[in-house]
N, C-alpha and C. Protein backbone atom coordinates (compact mmCIF):
# COMPACT_ATOMS: atom_id res chain seq x y z
N MET A 1 -21.88 -65.64 59.54
CA MET A 1 -22.17 -66.65 58.56
C MET A 1 -23.61 -67.14 58.77
N SER A 2 -24.40 -67.15 57.73
CA SER A 2 -25.79 -67.59 57.86
C SER A 2 -25.90 -69.07 57.52
N HIS A 3 -26.88 -69.69 58.11
CA HIS A 3 -27.12 -71.13 57.90
C HIS A 3 -27.92 -71.31 56.62
N GLN A 4 -27.43 -72.14 55.72
CA GLN A 4 -28.12 -72.42 54.46
C GLN A 4 -29.00 -73.65 54.62
N PRO A 5 -30.27 -73.63 54.15
CA PRO A 5 -31.10 -74.84 54.21
C PRO A 5 -30.55 -75.91 53.27
N PRO A 6 -30.81 -77.17 53.59
CA PRO A 6 -30.32 -78.24 52.71
C PRO A 6 -31.00 -78.14 51.34
N PRO A 7 -30.31 -78.58 50.30
CA PRO A 7 -30.91 -78.50 48.96
C PRO A 7 -32.12 -79.42 48.86
N TYR A 8 -33.02 -79.07 47.96
CA TYR A 8 -34.22 -79.87 47.73
C TYR A 8 -33.84 -81.22 47.15
N GLN A 9 -34.45 -82.28 47.67
CA GLN A 9 -34.22 -83.61 47.14
C GLN A 9 -35.55 -84.21 46.73
N ASN A 10 -35.56 -84.86 45.59
CA ASN A 10 -36.76 -85.52 45.11
C ASN A 10 -36.76 -86.95 45.66
N TYR A 11 -37.77 -87.27 46.47
CA TYR A 11 -37.86 -88.58 47.09
C TYR A 11 -38.81 -89.51 46.35
N GLY A 12 -39.15 -89.23 45.14
CA GLY A 12 -40.03 -90.11 44.38
C GLY A 12 -41.49 -89.88 44.68
N PRO A 13 -42.28 -90.96 44.77
CA PRO A 13 -43.73 -90.81 44.92
C PRO A 13 -44.16 -90.34 46.31
N TYR A 14 -43.22 -90.25 47.26
CA TYR A 14 -43.59 -89.83 48.60
C TYR A 14 -43.86 -88.34 48.65
N GLN A 15 -44.64 -87.93 49.62
CA GLN A 15 -44.88 -86.51 49.84
C GLN A 15 -43.64 -85.85 50.42
N GLY A 16 -42.86 -86.62 51.10
CA GLY A 16 -41.64 -86.13 51.73
C GLY A 16 -40.73 -87.31 52.00
N ARG A 17 -39.82 -87.11 52.90
CA ARG A 17 -38.89 -88.18 53.25
C ARG A 17 -39.63 -89.28 54.00
N PRO A 18 -39.35 -90.57 53.71
CA PRO A 18 -39.99 -91.65 54.45
C PRO A 18 -39.68 -91.54 55.94
N ASN A 19 -40.68 -91.83 56.74
CA ASN A 19 -40.55 -91.73 58.19
C ASN A 19 -39.73 -92.90 58.71
N ASP A 20 -38.75 -92.62 59.55
CA ASP A 20 -37.92 -93.68 60.12
C ASP A 20 -38.66 -94.46 61.19
N SER A 21 -39.66 -93.86 61.80
CA SER A 21 -40.43 -94.52 62.85
C SER A 21 -41.50 -95.42 62.21
N ASN A 22 -41.68 -96.59 62.79
CA ASN A 22 -42.71 -97.52 62.31
C ASN A 22 -43.69 -97.86 63.43
N THR A 23 -43.83 -96.99 64.39
CA THR A 23 -44.64 -97.28 65.58
C THR A 23 -46.08 -97.60 65.23
N LEU A 24 -46.73 -96.74 64.47
CA LEU A 24 -48.14 -96.98 64.13
C LEU A 24 -48.29 -98.21 63.24
N SER A 25 -47.33 -98.45 62.39
CA SER A 25 -47.38 -99.64 61.54
C SER A 25 -47.30 -100.91 62.38
N ILE A 26 -46.42 -100.92 63.35
CA ILE A 26 -46.27 -102.09 64.21
C ILE A 26 -47.52 -102.29 65.06
N VAL A 27 -48.10 -101.21 65.55
CA VAL A 27 -49.35 -101.32 66.31
C VAL A 27 -50.45 -101.89 65.40
N GLY A 28 -50.51 -101.44 64.15
CA GLY A 28 -51.50 -101.95 63.20
C GLY A 28 -51.31 -103.43 62.92
N ILE A 29 -50.05 -103.87 62.79
CA ILE A 29 -49.76 -105.28 62.54
C ILE A 29 -50.18 -106.12 63.74
N VAL A 30 -49.87 -105.65 64.96
CA VAL A 30 -50.25 -106.39 66.17
C VAL A 30 -51.76 -106.47 66.29
N LEU A 31 -52.45 -105.37 66.04
CA LEU A 31 -53.92 -105.39 66.11
C LEU A 31 -54.51 -106.33 65.07
N GLY A 32 -53.92 -106.37 63.88
CA GLY A 32 -54.38 -107.29 62.84
C GLY A 32 -54.19 -108.74 63.25
N CYS A 33 -53.06 -109.04 63.90
CA CYS A 33 -52.82 -110.41 64.36
C CYS A 33 -53.79 -110.80 65.47
N VAL A 34 -54.06 -109.87 66.37
CA VAL A 34 -55.01 -110.15 67.46
C VAL A 34 -56.41 -110.36 66.90
N ALA A 35 -56.73 -109.69 65.79
CA ALA A 35 -58.06 -109.79 65.19
C ALA A 35 -58.35 -111.19 64.65
N PHE A 36 -57.32 -112.03 64.43
CA PHE A 36 -57.56 -113.40 63.97
C PHE A 36 -58.38 -114.17 64.99
N LEU A 37 -58.16 -113.91 66.28
CA LEU A 37 -58.79 -114.72 67.32
C LEU A 37 -59.77 -113.97 68.21
N PHE A 38 -59.57 -112.68 68.42
CA PHE A 38 -60.40 -111.93 69.37
C PHE A 38 -61.03 -110.73 68.69
N CYS A 39 -62.34 -110.66 68.74
CA CYS A 39 -63.11 -109.50 68.28
C CYS A 39 -62.60 -108.92 66.95
N PRO A 40 -62.73 -109.69 65.86
CA PRO A 40 -62.21 -109.23 64.57
C PRO A 40 -62.71 -107.86 64.13
N PRO A 41 -63.99 -107.52 64.31
CA PRO A 41 -64.40 -106.19 63.85
C PRO A 41 -63.68 -105.06 64.60
N GLY A 42 -63.55 -105.20 65.89
CA GLY A 42 -62.91 -104.14 66.68
C GLY A 42 -61.42 -104.01 66.41
N PHE A 43 -60.69 -105.11 66.57
CA PHE A 43 -59.25 -105.07 66.39
C PHE A 43 -58.86 -104.91 64.92
N GLY A 44 -59.61 -105.53 64.02
CA GLY A 44 -59.30 -105.42 62.59
C GLY A 44 -59.46 -104.00 62.08
N ILE A 45 -60.56 -103.37 62.44
CA ILE A 45 -60.79 -101.99 62.00
C ILE A 45 -59.79 -101.04 62.65
N ALA A 46 -59.48 -101.25 63.92
CA ALA A 46 -58.47 -100.42 64.59
C ALA A 46 -57.11 -100.58 63.91
N GLY A 47 -56.76 -101.79 63.50
CA GLY A 47 -55.51 -102.02 62.80
C GLY A 47 -55.48 -101.34 61.44
N ILE A 48 -56.59 -101.37 60.74
CA ILE A 48 -56.67 -100.71 59.44
C ILE A 48 -56.50 -99.20 59.61
N VAL A 49 -57.16 -98.64 60.62
CA VAL A 49 -57.04 -97.20 60.89
C VAL A 49 -55.58 -96.84 61.20
N CYS A 50 -54.92 -97.64 62.05
CA CYS A 50 -53.51 -97.38 62.36
C CYS A 50 -52.65 -97.47 61.11
N GLY A 51 -52.94 -98.45 60.25
CA GLY A 51 -52.18 -98.59 59.01
C GLY A 51 -52.36 -97.42 58.06
N VAL A 52 -53.58 -96.91 57.96
CA VAL A 52 -53.85 -95.77 57.08
C VAL A 52 -53.17 -94.51 57.61
N VAL A 53 -53.24 -94.30 58.91
CA VAL A 53 -52.56 -93.14 59.51
C VAL A 53 -51.05 -93.27 59.31
N ALA A 54 -50.52 -94.49 59.47
CA ALA A 54 -49.09 -94.71 59.25
C ALA A 54 -48.72 -94.45 57.79
N LYS A 55 -49.60 -94.81 56.87
CA LYS A 55 -49.34 -94.55 55.45
C LYS A 55 -49.30 -93.05 55.17
N ASN A 56 -50.17 -92.30 55.82
CA ASN A 56 -50.17 -90.85 55.66
C ASN A 56 -48.90 -90.23 56.24
N LYS A 57 -48.29 -90.90 57.21
CA LYS A 57 -47.03 -90.42 57.80
C LYS A 57 -45.82 -91.01 57.09
N ASN A 58 -46.04 -91.72 55.99
CA ASN A 58 -44.99 -92.32 55.16
C ASN A 58 -44.14 -93.33 55.92
N GLU A 59 -44.77 -94.13 56.77
CA GLU A 59 -44.03 -95.18 57.46
C GLU A 59 -43.81 -96.35 56.50
N ARG A 60 -42.66 -96.97 56.62
CA ARG A 60 -42.24 -98.01 55.69
C ARG A 60 -43.11 -99.26 55.75
N LEU A 61 -43.61 -99.63 56.93
CA LEU A 61 -44.38 -100.87 57.10
C LEU A 61 -45.90 -100.64 57.04
N ALA A 62 -46.33 -99.50 56.58
CA ALA A 62 -47.76 -99.17 56.58
C ALA A 62 -48.58 -100.13 55.72
N ASN A 63 -48.09 -100.46 54.54
CA ASN A 63 -48.85 -101.37 53.66
C ASN A 63 -48.98 -102.76 54.29
N THR A 64 -47.93 -103.20 54.97
CA THR A 64 -48.00 -104.49 55.67
C THR A 64 -49.05 -104.45 56.76
N ALA A 65 -49.10 -103.36 57.51
CA ALA A 65 -50.08 -103.22 58.59
C ALA A 65 -51.50 -103.26 58.04
N ILE A 66 -51.73 -102.58 56.94
CA ILE A 66 -53.07 -102.58 56.34
C ILE A 66 -53.44 -103.99 55.86
N GLY A 67 -52.50 -104.66 55.21
CA GLY A 67 -52.77 -106.01 54.70
C GLY A 67 -53.04 -107.01 55.80
N VAL A 68 -52.22 -106.98 56.85
CA VAL A 68 -52.41 -107.92 57.96
C VAL A 68 -53.73 -107.64 58.67
N SER A 69 -54.08 -106.38 58.82
CA SER A 69 -55.33 -106.03 59.50
C SER A 69 -56.56 -106.46 58.69
N ILE A 70 -56.49 -106.28 57.39
CA ILE A 70 -57.61 -106.72 56.54
C ILE A 70 -57.73 -108.24 56.59
N ALA A 71 -56.59 -108.92 56.50
CA ALA A 71 -56.61 -110.39 56.57
C ALA A 71 -57.13 -110.85 57.93
N GLY A 72 -56.69 -110.21 59.01
CA GLY A 72 -57.17 -110.57 60.34
C GLY A 72 -58.66 -110.36 60.48
N LEU A 73 -59.16 -109.27 59.92
CA LEU A 73 -60.59 -108.98 59.97
C LEU A 73 -61.38 -110.05 59.23
N ILE A 74 -61.00 -110.34 58.00
CA ILE A 74 -61.76 -111.29 57.17
C ILE A 74 -61.65 -112.72 57.71
N ILE A 75 -60.42 -113.17 57.96
CA ILE A 75 -60.24 -114.55 58.44
C ILE A 75 -60.82 -114.73 59.82
N GLY A 76 -60.70 -113.71 60.68
CA GLY A 76 -61.30 -113.78 62.01
C GLY A 76 -62.81 -113.91 61.96
N MET A 77 -63.44 -113.18 61.03
CA MET A 77 -64.89 -113.27 60.89
C MET A 77 -65.29 -114.66 60.38
N ILE A 78 -64.54 -115.19 59.42
CA ILE A 78 -64.84 -116.53 58.89
C ILE A 78 -64.67 -117.57 59.99
N LEU A 79 -63.57 -117.49 60.76
CA LEU A 79 -63.37 -118.42 61.87
C LEU A 79 -64.48 -118.32 62.90
N GLY A 80 -64.94 -117.11 63.16
CA GLY A 80 -66.04 -116.91 64.12
C GLY A 80 -67.31 -117.60 63.66
N VAL A 81 -67.62 -117.47 62.38
CA VAL A 81 -68.83 -118.11 61.84
C VAL A 81 -68.69 -119.62 61.92
N VAL A 82 -67.52 -120.15 61.54
CA VAL A 82 -67.31 -121.59 61.56
C VAL A 82 -67.41 -122.13 62.99
N VAL A 83 -66.78 -121.47 63.93
CA VAL A 83 -66.84 -121.92 65.33
C VAL A 83 -68.26 -121.82 65.88
N PHE A 84 -68.95 -120.71 65.57
CA PHE A 84 -70.31 -120.55 66.06
C PHE A 84 -71.24 -121.63 65.51
N ARG A 85 -71.10 -121.94 64.23
CA ARG A 85 -71.95 -123.00 63.65
C ARG A 85 -71.59 -124.37 64.22
N GLY A 86 -70.32 -124.58 64.50
CA GLY A 86 -69.90 -125.85 65.07
C GLY A 86 -70.42 -126.03 66.49
N MET A 87 -70.49 -124.97 67.25
CA MET A 87 -70.95 -125.06 68.63
C MET A 87 -72.46 -125.19 68.73
N TYR A 88 -73.16 -124.42 67.92
CA TYR A 88 -74.62 -124.35 68.04
C TYR A 88 -75.35 -125.02 66.89
N GLY A 89 -74.64 -125.62 65.99
CA GLY A 89 -75.31 -126.28 64.84
C GLY A 89 -75.92 -125.25 63.92
N GLY A 90 -76.03 -125.57 62.71
CA GLY A 90 -76.62 -124.56 61.85
C GLY A 90 -76.51 -124.82 60.46
């Protein structure tokens, strides 16, 4: 008896089946949260990269990771400017 492959299933707009793992998405979300307070350009961009890679792997939380990382980058930069001006006048 030969093994038959499973029938083709249409999963909608995805390239394939959504990935059950959300590891890169969670790493992207954590990096985005860290970017609010520490080194926004470094952590924010790293979070965005993790989110984009997760999106390419069809992870469920990829869009959240990208959004949190972008918000962390922008808000972290604004907070940095505000704190810097408050400390040194300007």
